[in-house]
Amino acid sequence: MPWAKRWEAASALLGALGFTVFILALVARAEGAVFTGLAVAVMLLWGLAAGCVVAEKAARRREAQEVRRAWRTKGLLVEARMWAPRTVWIAWVVGGCLPAASALTVWAVQTRLDSAASARPEEIVAQAQELYASAAIVMSTALVVSVLCGAVHAVARRRRRDAEHARVLDAAQQLTAPADSG
Protein backbone atom coordinates (compact mmCIF):
# COMPACT_ATOMS: atom_id res chain seq x y z
CA MET A 1 0.00 0.00 0.00
CA PRO A 2 1.49 3.40 -0.98
CA TRP A 3 2.30 5.83 1.81
CA ALA A 4 -0.18 8.40 0.52
CA LYS A 5 -3.04 5.94 1.06
CA ARG A 6 -1.85 5.15 4.59
CA TRP A 7 -1.70 8.83 5.51
CA GLU A 8 -5.12 9.40 3.96
CA ALA A 9 -6.67 6.60 6.03
CA ALA A 10 -5.02 7.86 9.22
CA SER A 11 -6.23 11.43 8.67
CA ALA A 12 -9.80 10.29 7.99
CA LEU A 13 -9.81 8.06 11.06
CA LEU A 14 -8.39 10.75 13.37
CA GLY A 15 -10.71 13.42 11.98
CA ALA A 16 -13.78 11.24 12.40
CA LEU A 17 -12.71 10.27 15.91
CA GLY A 18 -12.21 13.94 16.84
CA PHE A 19 -15.61 14.84 15.41
CA THR A 20 -17.23 11.99 17.33
CA VAL A 21 -15.67 13.11 20.62
CA PHE A 22 -16.78 16.69 19.83
CA ILE A 23 -20.39 15.61 19.23
CA LEU A 24 -20.40 13.42 22.35
CA ALA A 25 -19.15 16.36 24.42
CA LEU A 26 -22.00 18.49 23.08
CA VAL A 27 -24.62 15.82 23.67
CA ALA A 28 -23.39 15.01 27.17
CA ARG A 29 -23.10 18.72 28.04
CA ALA A 30 -19.73 18.14 29.63
CA GLU A 31 -18.64 20.76 32.13
CA GLY A 32 -15.56 21.81 34.03
CA ALA A 33 -12.47 19.63 33.89
CA VAL A 34 -14.21 16.96 31.80
CA PHE A 35 -15.10 19.56 29.16
CA THR A 36 -11.58 20.96 29.16
CA GLY A 37 -10.12 17.47 28.79
CA LEU A 38 -12.46 16.63 25.93
CA ALA A 39 -11.69 19.94 24.21
CA VAL A 40 -7.96 19.21 24.47
CA ALA A 41 -8.51 15.68 23.14
CA VAL A 42 -10.53 16.98 20.17
CA MET A 43 -7.90 19.60 19.32
CA LEU A 44 -5.15 16.99 19.62
CA LEU A 45 -7.00 14.53 17.36
CA TRP A 46 -7.73 17.22 14.78
CA GLY A 47 -4.12 18.42 14.95
CA LEU A 48 -2.88 14.89 14.32
CA ALA A 49 -5.36 14.52 11.46
CA ALA A 50 -4.05 17.76 9.95
CA GLY A 51 -0.50 16.45 10.28
CA CYS A 52 -1.48 13.26 8.47
CA VAL A 53 -3.05 15.33 5.69
CA VAL A 54 0.21 17.26 5.29
CA ALA A 55 2.21 14.02 5.20
CA GLU A 56 -0.20 12.56 2.64
CA LYS A 57 0.11 15.67 0.47
CA ALA A 58 3.89 15.41 0.57
CA ALA A 59 3.77 11.74 -0.43
CA ARG A 60 1.29 12.39 -3.25
CA ARG A 61 3.33 15.33 -4.51
CA ARG A 62 6.47 13.22 -4.60
CA GLU A 63 4.65 10.43 -6.47
CA ALA A 64 3.09 12.90 -8.93
CA GLN A 65 6.43 14.58 -9.61
CA GLU A 66 7.97 11.22 -10.49
CA VAL A 67 5.12 10.42 -12.87
CA ARG A 68 5.25 13.89 -14.47
CA ARG A 69 8.97 13.64 -14.95
CA ALA A 70 8.59 10.26 -16.64
CA TRP A 71 5.78 11.49 -18.91
CA ARG A 72 7.65 14.66 -19.89
CA THR A 73 10.76 12.70 -20.83
CA LYS A 74 8.57 10.64 -23.17
CA GLY A 75 7.01 13.79 -24.66
CA LEU A 76 3.50 13.06 -23.38
CA LEU A 77 0.83 15.57 -22.30
CA VAL A 78 0.79 16.20 -18.55
CA GLU A 79 -2.28 17.05 -16.45
CA ALA A 80 -2.62 20.52 -14.98
CA ARG A 81 -1.95 20.60 -11.24
CA MET A 82 -5.09 21.13 -9.15
CA TRP A 83 -6.03 20.85 -5.52
CA ALA A 84 -7.61 17.56 -4.61
CA PRO A 85 -11.36 17.64 -3.91
CA ARG A 86 -10.73 16.45 -0.36
CA THR A 87 -8.32 19.34 0.23
CA VAL A 88 -10.97 21.81 -0.93
CA TRP A 89 -13.53 20.20 1.39
CA ILE A 90 -11.11 20.28 4.33
CA ALA A 91 -10.41 23.98 3.72
CA TRP A 92 -14.14 24.68 3.90
CA VAL A 93 -14.54 22.64 7.07
CA VAL A 94 -11.57 24.38 8.72
CA GLY A 95 -13.13 27.71 7.73
CA GLY A 96 -16.34 26.61 9.43
CA CYS A 97 -14.46 25.39 12.50
CA LEU A 98 -13.12 28.88 13.20
CA PRO A 99 -16.54 30.33 14.15
CA ALA A 100 -17.33 27.03 15.85
CA ALA A 101 -14.14 27.31 17.91
CA SER A 102 -15.10 30.87 18.84
CA ALA A 103 -18.52 29.66 19.93
CA LEU A 104 -16.86 26.82 21.84
CA THR A 105 -14.70 29.34 23.67
CA VAL A 106 -17.81 31.35 24.57
CA TRP A 107 -19.40 28.14 25.79
CA ALA A 108 -16.36 27.34 27.94
CA VAL A 109 -16.45 30.80 29.50
CA GLN A 110 -20.18 30.44 30.10
CA THR A 111 -19.61 27.05 31.75
CA ARG A 112 -17.14 28.69 34.11
CA LEU A 113 -19.75 31.36 34.90
CA ASP A 114 -22.31 28.68 35.78
CA SER A 115 -20.11 27.34 38.58
CA ALA A 116 -20.16 30.77 40.25
CA ALA A 117 -23.82 31.38 39.41
CA SER A 118 -25.03 30.94 42.94
CA ALA A 119 -23.11 34.06 43.99
CA ARG A 120 -24.40 36.16 41.06
CA PRO A 121 -27.72 37.87 40.45
CA GLU A 122 -30.28 36.04 38.35
CA GLU A 123 -29.90 38.52 35.48
CA ILE A 124 -26.29 37.51 34.90
CA VAL A 125 -27.22 33.83 35.00
CA ALA A 126 -29.98 34.43 32.43
CA GLN A 127 -27.54 36.29 30.17
CA ALA A 128 -25.04 33.44 30.45
CA GLN A 129 -27.72 30.92 29.46
CA GLU A 130 -28.69 33.02 26.43
CA LEU A 131 -25.03 33.21 25.49
CA TYR A 132 -24.81 29.43 25.73
CA ALA A 133 -27.78 29.03 23.38
CA SER A 134 -26.32 31.55 20.93
CA ALA A 135 -22.94 29.81 20.97
CA ALA A 136 -24.53 26.44 20.29
CA ILE A 137 -26.53 27.85 17.37
CA VAL A 138 -23.50 29.60 15.85
CA MET A 139 -21.34 26.51 16.28
CA SER A 140 -23.85 24.15 14.71
CA THR A 141 -24.72 26.49 11.85
CA ALA A 142 -21.07 27.19 11.00
CA LEU A 143 -20.22 23.50 10.91
CA VAL A 144 -23.25 22.47 8.84
CA VAL A 145 -22.83 25.30 6.32
CA SER A 146 -19.11 24.70 5.92
CA VAL A 147 -19.54 20.95 5.47
CA LEU A 148 -22.29 21.38 2.85
CA CYS A 149 -20.55 24.17 0.91
CA GLY A 150 -17.31 22.21 1.03
CA ALA A 151 -19.05 19.11 -0.31
CA VAL A 152 -20.56 21.05 -3.24
CA HIS A 153 -17.21 22.66 -4.04
CA ALA A 154 -15.43 19.30 -3.76
CA VAL A 155 -17.88 17.68 -6.19
CA ALA A 156 -17.29 20.50 -8.68
CA ARG A 157 -13.53 20.11 -8.24
CA ARG A 158 -13.80 16.35 -8.75
CA ARG A 159 -15.66 16.86 -12.04
CA ARG A 160 -13.08 19.38 -13.26
CA ARG A 161 -10.24 17.09 -12.26
CA ASP A 162 -11.85 14.10 -13.99
CA ALA A 163 -12.32 16.16 -17.17
CA GLU A 164 -8.64 17.12 -17.12
CA HIS A 165 -7.66 13.50 -16.57
CA ALA A 166 -9.88 12.39 -19.46
CA ARG A 167 -8.30 15.05 -21.71
CA VAL A 168 -4.80 13.77 -20.96
CA LEU A 169 -5.87 10.13 -21.37
CA ASP A 170 -7.50 10.93 -24.70
CA ALA A 171 -4.31 12.61 -25.90
CA ALA A 172 -2.26 9.60 -24.78
CA GLN A 173 -4.62 7.19 -26.57
CA GLN A 174 -4.40 9.24 -29.77
CA LEU A 175 -0.62 8.98 -29.64
CA THR A 176 -0.69 5.22 -29.15
CA ALA A 177 -3.58 4.44 -31.54
CA PRO A 178 -2.60 2.85 -34.83
CA ALA A 179 -2.89 5.18 -37.78
CA ASP A 180 -5.84 4.50 -40.07
CA SER A 181 -4.75 3.67 -43.53
CA GLY A 182 -7.23 5.17 -45.89
C-alpha atoms as a PDB file:
ATOM      1  CA  MET A   1       0.000   0.000   0.000  1.00  0.00           C
ATOM      2  CA  PRO A   2       1.489   3.401  -0.977  1.00  0.00           C
ATOM      3  CA  TRP A   3       2.298   5.826   1.805  1.00  0.00           C
ATOM      4  CA  ALA A   4      -0.181   8.397   0.516  1.00  0.00           C
ATOM      5  CA  LYS A   5      -3.043   5.944   1.062  1.00  0.00           C
ATOM      6  CA  ARG A   6      -1.849   5.145   4.586  1.00  0.00           C
ATOM      7  CA  TRP A   7      -1.696   8.830   5.508  1.00  0.00           C
ATOM      8  CA  GLU A   8      -5.119   9.398   3.965  1.00  0.00           C
ATOM      9  CA  ALA A   9      -6.673   6.596   6.030  1.00  0.00           C
ATOM     10  CA  ALA A  10      -5.017   7.856   9.218  1.00  0.00           C
ATOM     11  CA  SER A  11      -6.233  11.427   8.671  1.00  0.00           C
ATOM     12  CA  ALA A  12      -9.797  10.286   7.988  1.00  0.00           C
ATOM     13  CA  LEU A  13      -9.808   8.061  11.061  1.00  0.00           C
ATOM     14  CA  LEU A  14      -8.394  10.749  13.370  1.00  0.00           C
ATOM     15  CA  GLY A  15     -10.714  13.423  11.976  1.00  0.00           C
ATOM     16  CA  ALA A  16     -13.777  11.236  12.402  1.00  0.00           C
ATOM     17  CA  LEU A  17     -12.705  10.270  15.914  1.00  0.00           C
ATOM     18  CA  GLY A  18     -12.209  13.937  16.838  1.00  0.00           C
ATOM     19  CA  PHE A  19     -15.609  14.844  15.407  1.00  0.00           C
ATOM     20  CA  THR A  20     -17.235  11.985  17.332  1.00  0.00           C
ATOM     21  CA  VAL A  21     -15.674  13.108  20.616  1.00  0.00           C
ATOM     22  CA  PHE A  22     -16.778  16.686  19.834  1.00  0.00           C
ATOM     23  CA  ILE A  23     -20.389  15.611  19.234  1.00  0.00           C
ATOM     24  CA  LEU A  24     -20.405  13.417  22.346  1.00  0.00           C
ATOM     25  CA  ALA A  25     -19.153  16.361  24.421  1.00  0.00           C
ATOM     26  CA  LEU A  26     -22.005  18.493  23.075  1.00  0.00           C
ATOM     27  CA  VAL A  27     -24.624  15.825  23.670  1.00  0.00           C
ATOM     28  CA  ALA A  28     -23.390  15.007  27.171  1.00  0.00           C
ATOM     29  CA  ARG A  29     -23.101  18.718  28.038  1.00  0.00           C
ATOM     30  CA  ALA A  30     -19.733  18.140  29.631  1.00  0.00           C
ATOM     31  CA  GLU A  31     -18.639  20.758  32.129  1.00  0.00           C
ATOM     32  CA  GLY A  32     -15.557  21.813  34.033  1.00  0.00           C
ATOM     33  CA  ALA A  33     -12.465  19.633  33.886  1.00  0.00           C
ATOM     34  CA  VAL A  34     -14.214  16.960  31.796  1.00  0.00           C
ATOM     35  CA  PHE A  35     -15.103  19.557  29.156  1.00  0.00           C
ATOM     36  CA  THR A  36     -11.581  20.958  29.156  1.00  0.00           C
ATOM     37  CA  GLY A  37     -10.117  17.469  28.790  1.00  0.00           C
ATOM     38  CA  LEU A  38     -12.464  16.632  25.926  1.00  0.00           C
ATOM     39  CA  ALA A  39     -11.690  19.935  24.208  1.00  0.00           C
ATOM     40  CA  VAL A  40      -7.960  19.214  24.471  1.00  0.00           C
ATOM     41  CA  ALA A  41      -8.507  15.679  23.137  1.00  0.00           C
ATOM     42  CA  VAL A  42     -10.528  16.976  20.174  1.00  0.00           C
ATOM     43  CA  MET A  43      -7.904  19.596  19.316  1.00  0.00           C
ATOM     44  CA  LEU A  44      -5.150  16.987  19.622  1.00  0.00           C
ATOM     45  CA  LEU A  45      -6.996  14.530  17.356  1.00  0.00           C
ATOM     46  CA  TRP A  46      -7.728  17.216  14.779  1.00  0.00           C
ATOM     47  CA  GLY A  47      -4.124  18.420  14.949  1.00  0.00           C
ATOM     48  CA  LEU A  48      -2.877  14.887  14.324  1.00  0.00           C
ATOM     49  CA  ALA A  49      -5.360  14.521  11.456  1.00  0.00           C
ATOM     50  CA  ALA A  50      -4.052  17.760   9.946  1.00  0.00           C
ATOM     51  CA  GLY A  51      -0.496  16.453  10.280  1.00  0.00           C
ATOM     52  CA  CYS A  52      -1.480  13.258   8.472  1.00  0.00           C
ATOM     53  CA  VAL A  53      -3.046  15.325   5.687  1.00  0.00           C
ATOM     54  CA  VAL A  54       0.206  17.260   5.293  1.00  0.00           C
ATOM     55  CA  ALA A  55       2.209  14.024   5.201  1.00  0.00           C
ATOM     56  CA  GLU A  56      -0.197  12.564   2.644  1.00  0.00           C
ATOM     57  CA  LYS A  57       0.107  15.670   0.468  1.00  0.00           C
ATOM     58  CA  ALA A  58       3.892  15.415   0.566  1.00  0.00           C
ATOM     59  CA  ALA A  59       3.770  11.737  -0.428  1.00  0.00           C
ATOM     60  CA  ARG A  60       1.286  12.393  -3.246  1.00  0.00           C
ATOM     61  CA  ARG A  61       3.326  15.334  -4.514  1.00  0.00           C
ATOM     62  CA  ARG A  62       6.468  13.221  -4.601  1.00  0.00           C
ATOM     63  CA  GLU A  63       4.651  10.430  -6.472  1.00  0.00           C
ATOM     64  CA  ALA A  64       3.093  12.899  -8.927  1.00  0.00           C
ATOM     65  CA  GLN A  65       6.432  14.577  -9.613  1.00  0.00           C
ATOM     66  CA  GLU A  66       7.970  11.225 -10.486  1.00  0.00           C
ATOM     67  CA  VAL A  67       5.118  10.420 -12.873  1.00  0.00           C
ATOM     68  CA  ARG A  68       5.252  13.894 -14.470  1.00  0.00           C
ATOM     69  CA  ARG A  69       8.973  13.643 -14.949  1.00  0.00           C
ATOM     70  CA  ALA A  70       8.593  10.256 -16.643  1.00  0.00           C
ATOM     71  CA  TRP A  71       5.782  11.494 -18.906  1.00  0.00           C
ATOM     72  CA  ARG A  72       7.651  14.658 -19.893  1.00  0.00           C
ATOM     73  CA  THR A  73      10.763  12.698 -20.830  1.00  0.00           C
ATOM     74  CA  LYS A  74       8.571  10.642 -23.169  1.00  0.00           C
ATOM     75  CA  GLY A  75       7.012  13.795 -24.655  1.00  0.00           C
ATOM     76  CA  LEU A  76       3.495  13.059 -23.377  1.00  0.00           C
ATOM     77  CA  LEU A  77       0.834  15.566 -22.303  1.00  0.00           C
ATOM     78  CA  VAL A  78       0.791  16.204 -18.545  1.00  0.00           C
ATOM     79  CA  GLU A  79      -2.284  17.046 -16.449  1.00  0.00           C
ATOM     80  CA  ALA A  80      -2.620  20.520 -14.976  1.00  0.00           C
ATOM     81  CA  ARG A  81      -1.952  20.596 -11.236  1.00  0.00           C
ATOM     82  CA  MET A  82      -5.089  21.126  -9.150  1.00  0.00           C
ATOM     83  CA  TRP A  83      -6.033  20.852  -5.521  1.00  0.00           C
ATOM     84  CA  ALA A  84      -7.610  17.557  -4.614  1.00  0.00           C
ATOM     85  CA  PRO A  85     -11.364  17.641  -3.907  1.00  0.00           C
ATOM     86  CA  ARG A  86     -10.727  16.446  -0.359  1.00  0.00           C
ATOM     87  CA  THR A  87      -8.323  19.340   0.232  1.00  0.00           C
ATOM     88  CA  VAL A  88     -10.968  21.807  -0.932  1.00  0.00           C
ATOM     89  CA  TRP A  89     -13.529  20.201   1.389  1.00  0.00           C
ATOM     90  CA  ILE A  90     -11.106  20.279   4.330  1.00  0.00           C
ATOM     91  CA  ALA A  91     -10.414  23.980   3.715  1.00  0.00           C
ATOM     92  CA  TRP A  92     -14.137  24.685   3.896  1.00  0.00           C
ATOM     93  CA  VAL A  93     -14.544  22.643   7.075  1.00  0.00           C
ATOM     94  CA  VAL A  94     -11.571  24.378   8.720  1.00  0.00           C
ATOM     95  CA  GLY A  95     -13.133  27.706   7.729  1.00  0.00           C
ATOM     96  CA  GLY A  96     -16.344  26.608   9.433  1.00  0.00           C
ATOM     97  CA  CYS A  97     -14.463  25.389  12.498  1.00  0.00           C
ATOM     98  CA  LEU A  98     -13.125  28.881  13.203  1.00  0.00           C
ATOM     99  CA  PRO A  99     -16.543  30.329  14.147  1.00  0.00           C
ATOM    100  CA  ALA A 100     -17.334  27.026  15.852  1.00  0.00           C
ATOM    101  CA  ALA A 101     -14.143  27.314  17.913  1.00  0.00           C
ATOM    102  CA  SER A 102     -15.104  30.868  18.835  1.00  0.00           C
ATOM    103  CA  ALA A 103     -18.523  29.660  19.929  1.00  0.00           C
ATOM    104  CA  LEU A 104     -16.864  26.819  21.837  1.00  0.00           C
ATOM    105  CA  THR A 105     -14.704  29.344  23.670  1.00  0.00           C
ATOM    106  CA  VAL A 106     -17.805  31.352  24.572  1.00  0.00           C
ATOM    107  CA  TRP A 107     -19.404  28.140  25.792  1.00  0.00           C
ATOM    108  CA  ALA A 108     -16.360  27.338  27.944  1.00  0.00           C
ATOM    109  CA  VAL A 109     -16.450  30.798  29.501  1.00  0.00           C
ATOM    110  CA  GLN A 110     -20.175  30.437  30.099  1.00  0.00           C
ATOM    111  CA  THR A 111     -19.615  27.054  31.749  1.00  0.00           C
ATOM    112  CA  ARG A 112     -17.136  28.686  34.108  1.00  0.00           C
ATOM    113  CA  LEU A 113     -19.752  31.356  34.897  1.00  0.00           C
ATOM    114  CA  ASP A 114     -22.310  28.677  35.783  1.00  0.00           C
ATOM    115  CA  SER A 115     -20.109  27.340  38.584  1.00  0.00           C
ATOM    116  CA  ALA A 116     -20.157  30.771  40.247  1.00  0.00           C
ATOM    117  CA  ALA A 117     -23.823  31.384  39.406  1.00  0.00           C
ATOM    118  CA  SER A 118     -25.031  30.943  42.938  1.00  0.00           C
ATOM    119  CA  ALA A 119     -23.109  34.060  43.992  1.00  0.00           C
ATOM    120  CA  ARG A 120     -24.397  36.157  41.061  1.00  0.00           C
ATOM    121  CA  PRO A 121     -27.720  37.865  40.448  1.00  0.00           C
ATOM    122  CA  GLU A 122     -30.282  36.039  38.351  1.00  0.00           C
ATOM    123  CA  GLU A 123     -29.904  38.517  35.482  1.00  0.00           C
ATOM    124  CA  ILE A 124     -26.285  37.509  34.900  1.00  0.00           C
ATOM    125  CA  VAL A 125     -27.215  33.828  34.997  1.00  0.00           C
ATOM    126  CA  ALA A 126     -29.979  34.428  32.426  1.00  0.00           C
ATOM    127  CA  GLN A 127     -27.543  36.292  30.167  1.00  0.00           C
ATOM    128  CA  ALA A 128     -25.042  33.440  30.445  1.00  0.00           C
ATOM    129  CA  GLN A 129     -27.721  30.919  29.464  1.00  0.00           C
ATOM    130  CA  GLU A 130     -28.693  33.025  26.431  1.00  0.00           C
ATOM    131  CA  LEU A 131     -25.025  33.214  25.491  1.00  0.00           C
ATOM    132  CA  TYR A 132     -24.806  29.427  25.726  1.00  0.00           C
ATOM    133  CA  ALA A 133     -27.784  29.034  23.384  1.00  0.00           C
ATOM    134  CA  SER A 134     -26.324  31.549  20.928  1.00  0.00           C
ATOM    135  CA  ALA A 135     -22.943  29.814  20.967  1.00  0.00           C
ATOM    136  CA  ALA A 136     -24.532  26.435  20.290  1.00  0.00           C
ATOM    137  CA  ILE A 137     -26.532  27.848  17.366  1.00  0.00           C
ATOM    138  CA  VAL A 138     -23.500  29.600  15.849  1.00  0.00           C
ATOM    139  CA  MET A 139     -21.339  26.514  16.276  1.00  0.00           C
ATOM    140  CA  SER A 140     -23.854  24.149  14.715  1.00  0.00           C
ATOM    141  CA  THR A 141     -24.720  26.491  11.851  1.00  0.00           C
ATOM    142  CA  ALA A 142     -21.069  27.193  11.004  1.00  0.00           C
ATOM    143  CA  LEU A 143     -20.223  23.498  10.907  1.00  0.00           C
ATOM    144  CA  VAL A 144     -23.248  22.469   8.842  1.00  0.00           C
ATOM    145  CA  VAL A 145     -22.834  25.304   6.317  1.00  0.00           C
ATOM    146  CA  SER A 146     -19.105  24.699   5.923  1.00  0.00           C
ATOM    147  CA  VAL A 147     -19.545  20.945   5.471  1.00  0.00           C
ATOM    148  CA  LEU A 148     -22.294  21.383   2.852  1.00  0.00           C
ATOM    149  CA  CYS A 149     -20.545  24.167   0.914  1.00  0.00           C
ATOM    150  CA  GLY A 150     -17.313  22.205   1.031  1.00  0.00           C
ATOM    151  CA  ALA A 151     -19.054  19.112  -0.308  1.00  0.00           C
ATOM    152  CA  VAL A 152     -20.558  21.047  -3.238  1.00  0.00           C
ATOM    153  CA  HIS A 153     -17.208  22.664  -4.041  1.00  0.00           C
ATOM    154  CA  ALA A 154     -15.426  19.296  -3.760  1.00  0.00           C
ATOM    155  CA  VAL A 155     -17.877  17.677  -6.189  1.00  0.00           C
ATOM    156  CA  ALA A 156     -17.294  20.500  -8.676  1.00  0.00           C
ATOM    157  CA  ARG A 157     -13.528  20.113  -8.236  1.00  0.00           C
ATOM    158  CA  ARG A 158     -13.800  16.350  -8.749  1.00  0.00           C
ATOM    159  CA  ARG A 159     -15.655  16.864 -12.043  1.00  0.00           C
ATOM    160  CA  ARG A 160     -13.075  19.376 -13.256  1.00  0.00           C
ATOM    161  CA  ARG A 161     -10.238  17.094 -12.256  1.00  0.00           C
ATOM    162  CA  ASP A 162     -11.853  14.104 -13.988  1.00  0.00           C
ATOM    163  CA  ALA A 163     -12.323  16.160 -17.170  1.00  0.00           C
ATOM    164  CA  GLU A 164      -8.641  17.121 -17.118  1.00  0.00           C
ATOM    165  CA  HIS A 165      -7.663  13.500 -16.566  1.00  0.00           C
ATOM    166  CA  ALA A 166      -9.877  12.390 -19.456  1.00  0.00           C
ATOM    167  CA  ARG A 167      -8.296  15.046 -21.709  1.00  0.00           C
ATOM    168  CA  VAL A 168      -4.802  13.766 -20.963  1.00  0.00           C
ATOM    169  CA  LEU A 169      -5.867  10.131 -21.367  1.00  0.00           C
ATOM    170  CA  ASP A 170      -7.503  10.933 -24.698  1.00  0.00           C
ATOM    171  CA  ALA A 171      -4.314  12.611 -25.902  1.00  0.00           C
ATOM    172  CA  ALA A 172      -2.259   9.599 -24.780  1.00  0.00           C
ATOM    173  CA  GLN A 173      -4.619   7.194 -26.575  1.00  0.00           C
ATOM    174  CA  GLN A 174      -4.401   9.241 -29.767  1.00  0.00           C
ATOM    175  CA  LEU A 175      -0.621   8.978 -29.637  1.00  0.00           C
ATOM    176  CA  THR A 176      -0.693   5.218 -29.151  1.00  0.00           C
ATOM    177  CA  ALA A 177      -3.585   4.436 -31.540  1.00  0.00           C
ATOM    178  CA  PRO A 178      -2.603   2.850 -34.832  1.00  0.00           C
ATOM    179  CA  ALA A 179      -2.891   5.177 -37.783  1.00  0.00           C
ATOM    180  CA  ASP A 180      -5.841   4.495 -40.072  1.00  0.00           C
ATOM    181  CA  SER A 181      -4.746   3.672 -43.535  1.00  0.00           C
ATOM    182  CA  GLY A 182      -7.231   5.166 -45.887  1.00  0.00           C
END
